[in-house]
Amino acid sequence: MLNIANPTTLVTLDFWADLGCPWCYIGSRRLALAVAHEPDGSVATRWRAFQLRPGVPVDGHPGQSDAHEPLPAEARERIDAIGREVGIAFRPEALDRVRDTGLAHRAVLLYDGQPRQRAVVSALYAAHFERGLDISRLDTVVAEAAQASGDQPDRVRQRLVAGECEAELATDLVEARVVGVTAAPTYVVAGWVAVQGAQEIEVLRALIAEGRRAAG
């Protein structure tokens, strides 16, 4: 018998991504656009932290990793063009250095399960890639997370300085290895249907539909 998915069936989609990855920023925007086409409340997206290259101290600056090889011009042009399609204006210099995103990930995880988490993710991505800010620095992360979440900056700072969500970050990074996440972004629907890369909106909608069929 043909399994026709109920379009209102709740689907959980885990979005494994790094806040220092331009393709993850694009993937995040495309995911938001894909979910916007679905019935309200029918897709529960969960941010899952993944680090492509955890940072190490460089020149006495803790939290900033060695600069990677500059992206080829063709790759930069492609990222810029695709970014503009989803409303992202990438700063070229933001593509040339990988920062340790652990602190920024923890700020996002402070709001796990809350609707405002999405705003915090968007604010940190934009701060890094569109405004050229260093999201490995506490002051930057506090300011962006506080403004996006509506919390008081002092409260956000206290929570981060106290080490809140360190365990949650570690759990995400370990679970990524366990479930076989090797690239970012990776989308996992219903716990088992997965695709990697900043997929097109229609591919993501098809993935969600497959998740609904599996759930049914």
N, C-alpha and C. Protein backbone atom coordinates (compact mmCIF):
# COMPACT_ATOMS: atom_id res chain seq x y z
N MET A 1 0.85 -1.19 0.00
CA MET A 1 0.00 0.00 0.00
C MET A 1 0.89 1.25 0.00
N LEU A 2 0.53 2.20 -0.83
CA LEU A 2 1.30 3.44 -0.91
C LEU A 2 1.15 4.23 0.39
N ASN A 3 2.28 4.65 0.95
CA ASN A 3 2.26 5.41 2.21
C ASN A 3 2.21 6.89 1.88
N ILE A 4 1.05 7.50 2.02
CA ILE A 4 0.88 8.93 1.76
C ILE A 4 1.07 9.68 3.07
N ALA A 5 2.06 10.57 3.09
CA ALA A 5 2.38 11.27 4.33
C ALA A 5 1.31 12.30 4.67
N ASN A 6 0.96 12.36 5.94
CA ASN A 6 0.08 13.40 6.43
C ASN A 6 0.88 14.69 6.55
N PRO A 7 0.51 15.77 5.84
CA PRO A 7 1.33 16.98 5.85
C PRO A 7 1.40 17.68 7.19
N THR A 8 0.56 17.28 8.14
CA THR A 8 0.61 17.91 9.46
C THR A 8 1.37 17.05 10.48
N THR A 9 1.85 15.87 10.05
CA THR A 9 2.61 15.03 10.97
C THR A 9 3.87 15.76 11.41
N LEU A 10 4.11 15.80 12.72
CA LEU A 10 5.28 16.49 13.24
C LEU A 10 6.55 15.76 12.85
N VAL A 11 7.49 16.49 12.29
CA VAL A 11 8.79 15.95 11.89
C VAL A 11 9.87 16.70 12.65
N THR A 12 10.82 15.95 13.20
CA THR A 12 11.96 16.57 13.86
C THR A 12 13.15 16.55 12.92
N LEU A 13 13.75 17.72 12.74
CA LEU A 13 14.91 17.84 11.84
C LEU A 13 16.09 18.39 12.63
N ASP A 14 17.14 17.60 12.74
CA ASP A 14 18.36 18.04 13.39
C ASP A 14 19.27 18.69 12.35
N PHE A 15 19.68 19.92 12.64
CA PHE A 15 20.55 20.67 11.73
C PHE A 15 21.93 20.76 12.37
N TRP A 16 22.87 19.95 11.87
CA TRP A 16 24.24 19.94 12.37
C TRP A 16 25.03 20.97 11.58
N ALA A 17 25.58 21.96 12.28
CA ALA A 17 26.23 23.05 11.56
C ALA A 17 27.28 23.72 12.43
N ASP A 18 28.19 24.44 11.76
CA ASP A 18 29.22 25.21 12.44
C ASP A 18 28.96 26.69 12.17
N LEU A 19 29.09 27.50 13.19
CA LEU A 19 28.84 28.94 13.04
C LEU A 19 29.95 29.66 12.29
N GLY A 20 31.05 28.97 12.00
CA GLY A 20 32.12 29.57 11.22
C GLY A 20 32.16 29.08 9.79
N CYS A 21 31.11 28.42 9.34
CA CYS A 21 31.06 27.82 8.01
C CYS A 21 30.08 28.59 7.11
N PRO A 22 30.56 29.19 6.02
CA PRO A 22 29.64 29.95 5.15
C PRO A 22 28.56 29.09 4.52
N TRP A 23 28.88 27.84 4.20
CA TRP A 23 27.87 26.97 3.62
C TRP A 23 26.79 26.62 4.64
N CYS A 24 27.19 26.57 5.91
CA CYS A 24 26.19 26.33 6.96
C CYS A 24 25.24 27.52 7.10
N TYR A 25 25.78 28.73 6.94
CA TYR A 25 24.93 29.92 6.98
C TYR A 25 23.93 29.88 5.83
N ILE A 26 24.40 29.54 4.65
CA ILE A 26 23.50 29.41 3.51
C ILE A 26 22.48 28.29 3.78
N GLY A 27 22.97 27.16 4.29
CA GLY A 27 22.07 26.04 4.59
C GLY A 27 21.02 26.40 5.62
N SER A 28 21.41 27.22 6.60
CA SER A 28 20.47 27.66 7.62
C SER A 28 19.36 28.50 7.01
N ARG A 29 19.73 29.40 6.11
CA ARG A 29 18.73 30.25 5.44
C ARG A 29 17.81 29.40 4.57
N ARG A 30 18.38 28.48 3.83
CA ARG A 30 17.56 27.64 2.97
C ARG A 30 16.62 26.76 3.78
N LEU A 31 17.10 26.27 4.91
CA LEU A 31 16.24 25.46 5.78
C LEU A 31 15.06 26.28 6.28
N ALA A 32 15.33 27.52 6.70
CA ALA A 32 14.24 28.38 7.18
C ALA A 32 13.21 28.61 6.08
N LEU A 33 13.67 28.79 4.85
CA LEU A 33 12.75 29.00 3.73
C LEU A 33 11.96 27.73 3.42
N ALA A 34 12.61 26.57 3.54
CA ALA A 34 11.91 25.31 3.30
C ALA A 34 10.83 25.08 4.35
N VAL A 35 11.17 25.32 5.61
CA VAL A 35 10.21 25.12 6.70
C VAL A 35 9.04 26.09 6.58
N ALA A 36 9.29 27.27 6.04
CA ALA A 36 8.23 28.27 5.89
C ALA A 36 7.13 27.79 4.94
N HIS A 37 7.46 26.84 4.07
CA HIS A 37 6.47 26.29 3.15
C HIS A 37 5.62 25.19 3.78
N GLU A 38 6.03 24.71 4.94
CA GLU A 38 5.33 23.61 5.60
C GLU A 38 4.23 24.14 6.51
N PRO A 39 3.25 23.30 6.84
CA PRO A 39 2.20 23.73 7.78
C PRO A 39 2.79 24.21 9.10
N ASP A 40 2.23 25.25 9.66
CA ASP A 40 2.75 25.82 10.91
C ASP A 40 2.86 24.74 11.99
N GLY A 41 4.02 24.70 12.62
CA GLY A 41 4.22 23.78 13.72
C GLY A 41 4.47 22.34 13.33
N SER A 42 4.61 22.06 12.03
CA SER A 42 4.76 20.66 11.60
C SER A 42 6.21 20.21 11.50
N VAL A 43 7.16 21.14 11.61
CA VAL A 43 8.58 20.79 11.56
C VAL A 43 9.28 21.40 12.77
N ALA A 44 9.86 20.55 13.59
CA ALA A 44 10.62 21.01 14.75
C ALA A 44 12.10 20.91 14.41
N THR A 45 12.75 22.06 14.21
CA THR A 45 14.18 22.05 13.89
C THR A 45 14.99 22.18 15.16
N ARG A 46 16.05 21.40 15.24
CA ARG A 46 16.92 21.42 16.41
C ARG A 46 18.35 21.75 15.98
N TRP A 47 18.93 22.77 16.58
CA TRP A 47 20.32 23.12 16.30
C TRP A 47 21.23 22.09 16.97
N ARG A 48 22.16 21.54 16.21
CA ARG A 48 23.15 20.62 16.75
C ARG A 48 24.53 21.17 16.40
N ALA A 49 25.36 21.31 17.41
CA ALA A 49 26.68 21.93 17.23
C ALA A 49 27.66 20.97 16.57
N PHE A 50 28.38 21.49 15.59
CA PHE A 50 29.42 20.73 14.90
C PHE A 50 30.57 21.69 14.63
N GLN A 51 31.80 21.24 14.84
CA GLN A 51 32.94 22.09 14.58
C GLN A 51 33.81 21.48 13.50
N LEU A 52 33.92 22.19 12.39
CA LEU A 52 34.75 21.72 11.30
C LEU A 52 36.22 21.74 11.67
N ARG A 53 36.61 22.75 12.45
CA ARG A 53 38.00 22.90 12.85
C ARG A 53 38.08 23.64 14.18
N PRO A 54 38.04 22.89 15.29
CA PRO A 54 38.13 23.56 16.59
C PRO A 54 39.37 24.43 16.68
N GLY A 55 39.22 25.62 17.28
CA GLY A 55 40.30 26.59 17.29
C GLY A 55 41.39 26.29 18.30
N VAL A 56 42.58 26.80 18.01
CA VAL A 56 43.72 26.71 18.91
C VAL A 56 44.31 28.10 19.01
N PRO A 57 45.03 28.41 20.11
CA PRO A 57 45.61 29.75 20.25
C PRO A 57 46.59 30.06 19.12
N VAL A 58 46.55 31.27 18.62
CA VAL A 58 47.47 31.73 17.60
C VAL A 58 47.99 33.10 18.01
N ASP A 59 49.30 33.24 18.06
CA ASP A 59 49.91 34.52 18.41
C ASP A 59 49.35 35.06 19.72
N GLY A 60 49.14 34.16 20.68
CA GLY A 60 48.65 34.60 21.97
C GLY A 60 47.18 34.94 22.02
N HIS A 61 46.49 34.73 20.92
CA HIS A 61 45.06 35.04 20.86
C HIS A 61 44.27 33.74 21.02
N PRO A 62 43.85 33.42 22.24
CA PRO A 62 43.11 32.17 22.43
C PRO A 62 41.79 32.18 21.69
N GLY A 63 41.44 31.01 21.18
CA GLY A 63 40.14 30.87 20.54
C GLY A 63 40.15 31.11 19.05
N GLN A 64 41.27 31.53 18.49
CA GLN A 64 41.31 31.76 17.04
C GLN A 64 42.25 30.75 16.41
N SER A 65 41.78 30.04 15.42
CA SER A 65 42.58 28.99 14.82
C SER A 65 43.50 29.54 13.74
N ASP A 66 44.43 28.69 13.35
CA ASP A 66 45.30 29.04 12.23
C ASP A 66 44.45 29.38 11.02
N ALA A 67 44.88 30.36 10.26
CA ALA A 67 44.17 30.68 9.03
C ALA A 67 44.28 29.51 8.06
N HIS A 68 43.17 29.13 7.46
CA HIS A 68 43.22 28.09 6.45
C HIS A 68 43.68 28.69 5.13
N GLU A 69 43.91 27.84 4.15
CA GLU A 69 44.28 28.34 2.84
C GLU A 69 43.15 29.20 2.30
N PRO A 70 43.47 30.38 1.74
CA PRO A 70 42.41 31.23 1.19
C PRO A 70 41.59 30.48 0.15
N LEU A 71 40.31 30.74 0.16
CA LEU A 71 39.44 30.08 -0.82
C LEU A 71 39.79 30.54 -2.22
N PRO A 72 39.75 29.64 -3.19
CA PRO A 72 39.96 30.06 -4.58
C PRO A 72 38.91 31.08 -4.99
N ALA A 73 39.26 31.91 -5.95
CA ALA A 73 38.36 32.97 -6.39
C ALA A 73 37.02 32.40 -6.86
N GLU A 74 37.07 31.26 -7.54
CA GLU A 74 35.82 30.67 -8.05
C GLU A 74 34.89 30.28 -6.91
N ALA A 75 35.47 29.71 -5.84
CA ALA A 75 34.66 29.31 -4.68
C ALA A 75 34.08 30.53 -3.99
N ARG A 76 34.87 31.58 -3.86
CA ARG A 76 34.40 32.80 -3.21
C ARG A 76 33.24 33.41 -4.00
N GLU A 77 33.38 33.42 -5.31
CA GLU A 77 32.32 33.99 -6.16
C GLU A 77 31.04 33.17 -6.05
N ARG A 78 31.20 31.85 -5.96
CA ARG A 78 30.02 30.99 -5.85
C ARG A 78 29.31 31.21 -4.53
N ILE A 79 30.08 31.26 -3.43
CA ILE A 79 29.48 31.51 -2.12
C ILE A 79 28.77 32.86 -2.11
N ASP A 80 29.42 33.88 -2.66
CA ASP A 80 28.84 35.22 -2.69
C ASP A 80 27.54 35.23 -3.49
N ALA A 81 27.54 34.57 -4.66
CA ALA A 81 26.35 34.57 -5.51
C ALA A 81 25.19 33.82 -4.85
N ILE A 82 25.48 32.65 -4.30
CA ILE A 82 24.42 31.87 -3.66
C ILE A 82 23.93 32.57 -2.40
N GLY A 83 24.86 33.20 -1.69
CA GLY A 83 24.47 33.94 -0.50
C GLY A 83 23.48 35.04 -0.83
N ARG A 84 23.76 35.78 -1.91
CA ARG A 84 22.86 36.87 -2.30
C ARG A 84 21.47 36.35 -2.64
N GLU A 85 21.38 35.13 -3.15
CA GLU A 85 20.08 34.55 -3.49
C GLU A 85 19.19 34.38 -2.26
N VAL A 86 19.82 34.18 -1.10
CA VAL A 86 19.03 33.99 0.13
C VAL A 86 19.19 35.16 1.08
N GLY A 87 19.67 36.29 0.56
CA GLY A 87 19.72 37.51 1.36
C GLY A 87 20.93 37.69 2.24
N ILE A 88 22.04 37.01 1.93
CA ILE A 88 23.26 37.13 2.71
C ILE A 88 24.29 37.94 1.92
N ALA A 89 24.87 38.95 2.56
CA ALA A 89 25.94 39.75 1.95
C ALA A 89 27.25 39.40 2.65
N PHE A 90 27.97 38.41 2.15
CA PHE A 90 29.21 37.96 2.77
C PHE A 90 30.30 39.01 2.66
N ARG A 91 31.03 39.22 3.76
CA ARG A 91 32.25 40.02 3.73
C ARG A 91 33.39 39.11 3.31
N PRO A 92 34.15 39.48 2.29
CA PRO A 92 35.21 38.59 1.79
C PRO A 92 36.19 38.13 2.85
N GLU A 93 36.58 39.04 3.75
CA GLU A 93 37.58 38.67 4.75
C GLU A 93 37.07 37.64 5.75
N ALA A 94 35.76 37.53 5.89
CA ALA A 94 35.20 36.57 6.84
C ALA A 94 35.36 35.13 6.36
N LEU A 95 35.68 34.96 5.08
CA LEU A 95 35.83 33.63 4.52
C LEU A 95 37.25 33.10 4.66
N ASP A 96 38.19 33.94 5.09
CA ASP A 96 39.60 33.57 5.07
C ASP A 96 40.17 33.13 6.40
N ARG A 97 39.38 33.12 7.45
CA ARG A 97 39.89 32.66 8.74
C ARG A 97 38.80 31.86 9.46
N VAL A 98 39.20 30.72 9.96
CA VAL A 98 38.30 29.88 10.74
C VAL A 98 38.50 30.21 12.21
N ARG A 99 37.45 30.57 12.89
CA ARG A 99 37.53 30.87 14.32
C ARG A 99 37.00 29.71 15.14
N ASP A 100 37.47 29.62 16.37
CA ASP A 100 36.93 28.63 17.30
C ASP A 100 35.51 29.06 17.64
N THR A 101 34.57 28.24 17.29
CA THR A 101 33.16 28.62 17.46
C THR A 101 32.53 28.02 18.72
N GLY A 102 33.35 27.45 19.60
CA GLY A 102 32.79 26.79 20.79
C GLY A 102 31.96 27.72 21.65
N LEU A 103 32.46 28.91 21.92
CA LEU A 103 31.72 29.86 22.75
C LEU A 103 30.40 30.25 22.10
N ALA A 104 30.44 30.53 20.81
CA ALA A 104 29.21 30.90 20.10
C ALA A 104 28.21 29.75 20.10
N HIS A 105 28.69 28.53 19.93
CA HIS A 105 27.80 27.37 20.00
C HIS A 105 27.12 27.30 21.37
N ARG A 106 27.88 27.54 22.43
CA ARG A 106 27.29 27.48 23.77
C ARG A 106 26.20 28.54 23.94
N ALA A 107 26.43 29.72 23.36
CA ALA A 107 25.41 30.77 23.44
C ALA A 107 24.12 30.33 22.76
N VAL A 108 24.25 29.64 21.63
CA VAL A 108 23.07 29.12 20.94
C VAL A 108 22.38 28.06 21.80
N LEU A 109 23.17 27.19 22.39
CA LEU A 109 22.60 26.09 23.18
C LEU A 109 21.93 26.57 24.46
N LEU A 110 22.23 27.80 24.90
CA LEU A 110 21.53 28.35 26.06
C LEU A 110 20.02 28.40 25.81
N TYR A 111 19.62 28.47 24.55
CA TYR A 111 18.21 28.65 24.19
C TYR A 111 17.64 27.42 23.50
N ASP A 112 18.24 26.26 23.78
CA ASP A 112 17.77 25.03 23.16
C ASP A 112 16.30 24.80 23.49
N GLY A 113 15.53 24.48 22.46
CA GLY A 113 14.12 24.21 22.64
C GLY A 113 13.24 25.43 22.68
N GLN A 114 13.84 26.62 22.55
CA GLN A 114 13.07 27.87 22.58
C GLN A 114 13.01 28.50 21.19
N PRO A 115 11.90 29.12 20.84
CA PRO A 115 11.79 29.76 19.52
C PRO A 115 12.87 30.81 19.27
N ARG A 116 13.32 31.49 20.31
CA ARG A 116 14.31 32.55 20.10
C ARG A 116 15.71 32.02 19.78
N GLN A 117 15.90 30.70 19.88
CA GLN A 117 17.21 30.16 19.51
C GLN A 117 17.53 30.48 18.05
N ARG A 118 16.52 30.41 17.21
CA ARG A 118 16.73 30.70 15.79
C ARG A 118 17.27 32.12 15.60
N ALA A 119 16.75 33.07 16.37
CA ALA A 119 17.22 34.45 16.26
C ALA A 119 18.68 34.58 16.70
N VAL A 120 19.07 33.82 17.71
CA VAL A 120 20.45 33.86 18.18
C VAL A 120 21.39 33.28 17.12
N VAL A 121 20.99 32.17 16.52
CA VAL A 121 21.79 31.58 15.43
C VAL A 121 21.98 32.60 14.30
N SER A 122 20.89 33.20 13.87
CA SER A 122 20.95 34.16 12.77
C SER A 122 21.83 35.35 13.11
N ALA A 123 21.73 35.83 14.36
CA ALA A 123 22.51 36.99 14.77
C ALA A 123 24.00 36.69 14.77
N LEU A 124 24.39 35.51 15.23
CA LEU A 124 25.80 35.16 15.28
C LEU A 124 26.37 34.92 13.89
N TYR A 125 25.59 34.28 13.03
CA TYR A 125 26.03 34.12 11.64
C TYR A 125 26.24 35.48 10.99
N ALA A 126 25.27 36.36 11.12
CA ALA A 126 25.36 37.68 10.49
C ALA A 126 26.51 38.50 11.06
N ALA A 127 26.72 38.39 12.37
CA ALA A 127 27.81 39.14 13.00
C ALA A 127 29.15 38.75 12.39
N HIS A 128 29.35 37.47 12.22
CA HIS A 128 30.62 36.99 11.67
C HIS A 128 30.75 37.25 10.18
N PHE A 129 29.78 36.76 9.41
CA PHE A 129 29.93 36.75 7.96
C PHE A 129 29.53 38.05 7.26
N GLU A 130 28.65 38.83 7.87
CA GLU A 130 28.20 40.06 7.20
C GLU A 130 28.75 41.33 7.84
N ARG A 131 29.18 41.23 9.10
CA ARG A 131 29.70 42.42 9.77
C ARG A 131 31.16 42.29 10.16
N GLY A 132 31.74 41.12 9.95
CA GLY A 132 33.15 40.92 10.20
C GLY A 132 33.56 40.90 11.65
N LEU A 133 32.63 40.57 12.56
CA LEU A 133 32.95 40.53 13.99
C LEU A 133 33.53 39.18 14.37
N ASP A 134 34.28 39.17 15.46
CA ASP A 134 34.95 37.95 15.93
C ASP A 134 34.05 37.24 16.94
N ILE A 135 33.40 36.18 16.51
CA ILE A 135 32.46 35.47 17.39
C ILE A 135 33.16 34.45 18.28
N SER A 136 34.50 34.53 18.35
CA SER A 136 35.21 33.76 19.37
C SER A 136 35.41 34.59 20.63
N ARG A 137 35.08 35.89 20.57
CA ARG A 137 35.27 36.80 21.72
C ARG A 137 34.00 36.88 22.56
N LEU A 138 34.20 36.86 23.86
CA LEU A 138 33.07 36.86 24.79
C LEU A 138 32.20 38.09 24.62
N ASP A 139 32.80 39.27 24.53
CA ASP A 139 32.00 40.50 24.43
C ASP A 139 31.09 40.47 23.21
N THR A 140 31.62 40.00 22.09
CA THR A 140 30.83 39.94 20.86
C THR A 140 29.67 38.97 21.00
N VAL A 141 29.96 37.79 21.50
CA VAL A 141 28.92 36.76 21.65
C VAL A 141 27.84 37.22 22.61
N VAL A 142 28.24 37.82 23.72
CA VAL A 142 27.26 38.31 24.70
C VAL A 142 26.35 39.36 24.07
N ALA A 143 26.94 40.33 23.38
CA ALA A 143 26.15 41.41 22.79
C ALA A 143 25.16 40.88 21.77
N GLU A 144 25.61 39.99 20.90
CA GLU A 144 24.74 39.47 19.85
C GLU A 144 23.65 38.56 20.41
N ALA A 145 24.03 37.68 21.32
CA ALA A 145 23.04 36.75 21.89
C ALA A 145 22.01 37.50 22.72
N ALA A 146 22.45 38.51 23.48
CA ALA A 146 21.52 39.26 24.32
C ALA A 146 20.51 40.03 23.47
N GLN A 147 21.00 40.70 22.44
CA GLN A 147 20.10 41.48 21.60
C GLN A 147 19.10 40.57 20.88
N ALA A 148 19.57 39.42 20.38
CA ALA A 148 18.69 38.53 19.63
C ALA A 148 17.68 37.82 20.52
N SER A 149 18.09 37.49 21.75
CA SER A 149 17.21 36.73 22.64
C SER A 149 16.30 37.60 23.48
N GLY A 150 16.71 38.87 23.68
CA GLY A 150 15.95 39.74 24.57
C GLY A 150 16.39 39.66 26.01
N ASP A 151 17.42 38.84 26.30
CA ASP A 151 17.94 38.74 27.65
C ASP A 151 18.87 39.92 27.97
N GLN A 152 19.09 40.16 29.23
CA GLN A 152 20.03 41.18 29.64
C GLN A 152 21.46 40.70 29.38
N PRO A 153 22.33 41.56 28.84
CA PRO A 153 23.72 41.14 28.56
C PRO A 153 24.43 40.57 29.78
N ASP A 154 24.22 41.17 30.95
CA ASP A 154 24.89 40.67 32.15
C ASP A 154 24.49 39.23 32.45
N ARG A 155 23.23 38.91 32.20
CA ARG A 155 22.74 37.56 32.45
C ARG A 155 23.38 36.57 31.48
N VAL A 156 23.46 36.94 30.21
CA VAL A 156 24.08 36.06 29.22
C VAL A 156 25.55 35.85 29.56
N ARG A 157 26.23 36.94 29.91
CA ARG A 157 27.66 36.84 30.27
C ARG A 157 27.85 35.90 31.47
N GLN A 158 27.03 36.07 32.50
CA GLN A 158 27.16 35.23 33.69
C GLN A 158 27.01 33.75 33.35
N ARG A 159 26.05 33.45 32.51
CA ARG A 159 25.80 32.05 32.16
C ARG A 159 26.97 31.46 31.38
N LEU A 160 27.51 32.23 30.45
CA LEU A 160 28.62 31.73 29.65
C LEU A 160 29.90 31.62 30.47
N VAL A 161 30.18 32.62 31.29
CA VAL A 161 31.38 32.59 32.13
C VAL A 161 31.32 31.43 33.12
N ALA A 162 30.12 31.10 33.57
CA ALA A 162 29.95 29.99 34.50
C ALA A 162 30.11 28.63 33.83
N GLY A 163 30.25 28.63 32.52
CA GLY A 163 30.45 27.37 31.81
C GLY A 163 29.18 26.67 31.40
N GLU A 164 28.06 27.39 31.44
CA GLU A 164 26.79 26.76 31.08
C GLU A 164 26.83 26.27 29.63
N CYS A 165 26.28 25.10 29.42
CA CYS A 165 26.16 24.44 28.13
C CYS A 165 27.48 23.86 27.60
N GLU A 166 28.51 23.82 28.43
CA GLU A 166 29.72 23.12 28.02
C GLU A 166 29.44 21.63 27.83
N ALA A 167 28.66 21.05 28.74
CA ALA A 167 28.33 19.63 28.64
C ALA A 167 27.48 19.35 27.41
N GLU A 168 26.53 20.27 27.13
CA GLU A 168 25.66 20.09 25.96
C GLU A 168 26.46 20.17 24.67
N LEU A 169 27.43 21.09 24.62
CA LEU A 169 28.28 21.20 23.44
C LEU A 169 29.10 19.92 23.26
N ALA A 170 29.69 19.44 24.34
CA ALA A 170 30.48 18.22 24.26
C ALA A 170 29.63 17.04 23.80
N THR A 171 28.39 16.98 24.29
CA THR A 171 27.49 15.90 23.89
C THR A 171 27.19 15.95 22.40
N ASP A 172 26.93 17.14 21.87
CA ASP A 172 26.67 17.27 20.43
C ASP A 172 27.87 16.82 19.61
N LEU A 173 29.07 17.22 20.02
CA LEU A 173 30.26 16.88 19.25
C LEU A 173 30.53 15.38 19.27
N VAL A 174 30.28 14.75 20.41
CA VAL A 174 30.45 13.30 20.50
C VAL A 174 29.38 12.59 19.69
N GLU A 175 28.13 13.04 19.82
CA GLU A 175 27.04 12.39 19.09
C GLU A 175 27.23 12.51 17.59
N ALA A 176 27.80 13.62 17.15
CA ALA A 176 28.07 13.78 15.71
C ALA A 176 28.96 12.65 15.21
N ARG A 177 29.98 12.31 15.98
CA ARG A 177 30.86 11.22 15.58
C ARG A 177 30.13 9.88 15.62
N VAL A 178 29.30 9.70 16.64
CA VAL A 178 28.59 8.44 16.81
C VAL A 178 27.63 8.18 15.65
N VAL A 179 26.89 9.21 15.24
CA VAL A 179 25.89 9.03 14.18
C VAL A 179 26.49 9.19 12.78
N GLY A 180 27.79 9.52 12.72
CA GLY A 180 28.46 9.58 11.43
C GLY A 180 28.38 10.90 10.71
N VAL A 181 28.17 11.99 11.44
CA VAL A 181 28.19 13.31 10.81
C VAL A 181 29.65 13.69 10.56
N THR A 182 30.00 13.84 9.30
CA THR A 182 31.39 14.14 8.95
C THR A 182 31.54 15.45 8.20
N ALA A 183 30.45 16.10 7.89
CA ALA A 183 30.50 17.35 7.15
C ALA A 183 29.39 18.27 7.64
N ALA A 184 29.55 19.55 7.36
CA ALA A 184 28.53 20.51 7.75
C ALA A 184 28.20 21.40 6.56
N PRO A 185 26.91 21.72 6.39
CA PRO A 185 25.80 21.26 7.24
C PRO A 185 25.37 19.84 6.91
N THR A 186 24.77 19.19 7.89
CA THR A 186 24.12 17.89 7.71
C THR A 186 22.72 17.99 8.30
N TYR A 187 21.75 17.49 7.54
CA TYR A 187 20.35 17.50 7.98
C TYR A 187 19.94 16.06 8.27
N VAL A 188 19.44 15.83 9.48
CA VAL A 188 18.97 14.50 9.86
C VAL A 188 17.50 14.60 10.24
N VAL A 189 16.66 13.90 9.50
CA VAL A 189 15.21 13.96 9.72
C VAL A 189 14.73 12.64 10.30
N ALA A 190 13.89 12.75 11.32
CA ALA A 190 13.28 11.58 11.95
C ALA A 190 14.33 10.60 12.47
N GLY A 191 15.53 11.12 12.76
CA GLY A 191 16.56 10.31 13.37
C GLY A 191 17.37 9.44 12.44
N TRP A 192 17.01 9.41 11.12
CA TRP A 192 17.77 8.50 10.26
C TRP A 192 17.91 8.96 8.81
N VAL A 193 17.01 9.75 8.29
CA VAL A 193 17.11 10.21 6.90
C VAL A 193 18.01 11.44 6.87
N ALA A 194 19.16 11.35 6.19
CA ALA A 194 20.14 12.44 6.27
C ALA A 194 20.67 12.82 4.90
N VAL A 195 20.98 14.12 4.76
CA VAL A 195 21.70 14.61 3.59
C VAL A 195 22.73 15.62 4.08
N GLN A 196 23.79 15.78 3.30
CA GLN A 196 24.85 16.72 3.65
C GLN A 196 24.92 17.84 2.63
N GLY A 197 25.46 18.98 3.06
CA GLY A 197 25.65 20.10 2.16
C GLY A 197 24.50 21.09 2.22
N ALA A 198 24.76 22.30 1.70
CA ALA A 198 23.74 23.36 1.70
C ALA A 198 22.74 23.10 0.58
N GLN A 199 21.85 22.17 0.82
CA GLN A 199 20.93 21.69 -0.21
C GLN A 199 19.93 22.77 -0.63
N GLU A 200 19.44 22.60 -1.86
CA GLU A 200 18.40 23.50 -2.37
C GLU A 200 17.13 23.34 -1.54
N ILE A 201 16.32 24.37 -1.57
CA ILE A 201 15.09 24.37 -0.78
C ILE A 201 14.20 23.18 -1.12
N GLU A 202 14.05 22.87 -2.40
CA GLU A 202 13.18 21.77 -2.79
C GLU A 202 13.73 20.43 -2.32
N VAL A 203 15.03 20.29 -2.26
CA VAL A 203 15.61 19.05 -1.73
C VAL A 203 15.27 18.92 -0.25
N LEU A 204 15.34 20.01 0.48
CA LEU A 204 15.01 19.98 1.91
C LEU A 204 13.54 19.67 2.13
N ARG A 205 12.69 20.21 1.27
CA ARG A 205 11.27 19.90 1.40
C ARG A 205 11.01 18.42 1.12
N ALA A 206 11.73 17.87 0.15
CA ALA A 206 11.60 16.44 -0.13
C ALA A 206 12.10 15.61 1.03
N LEU A 207 13.17 16.07 1.68
CA LEU A 207 13.69 15.38 2.85
C LEU A 207 12.68 15.37 3.98
N ILE A 208 12.04 16.51 4.20
CA ILE A 208 11.01 16.59 5.23
C ILE A 208 9.84 15.64 4.90
N ALA A 209 9.45 15.61 3.64
CA ALA A 209 8.37 14.72 3.23
C ALA A 209 8.75 13.26 3.46
N GLU A 210 10.00 12.91 3.19
CA GLU A 210 10.46 11.53 3.43
C GLU A 210 10.42 11.22 4.92
N GLY A 211 10.77 12.21 5.73
CA GLY A 211 10.67 12.02 7.17
C GLY A 211 9.25 11.77 7.63
N ARG A 212 8.31 12.44 7.00
CA ARG A 212 6.90 12.25 7.36
C ARG A 212 6.44 10.84 6.95
N ARG A 213 6.88 10.39 5.79
CA ARG A 213 6.51 9.04 5.38
C ARG A 213 7.08 8.00 6.35
N ALA A 214 8.32 8.26 6.79
CA ALA A 214 8.94 7.32 7.73
C ALA A 214 8.20 7.34 9.07
N ALA A 215 7.76 8.52 9.48
CA ALA A 215 7.04 8.65 10.76
C ALA A 215 5.67 8.00 10.68
N GLY A 216 5.09 7.98 9.47
CA GLY A 216 3.76 7.43 9.32
C GLY A 216 3.74 5.93 9.24
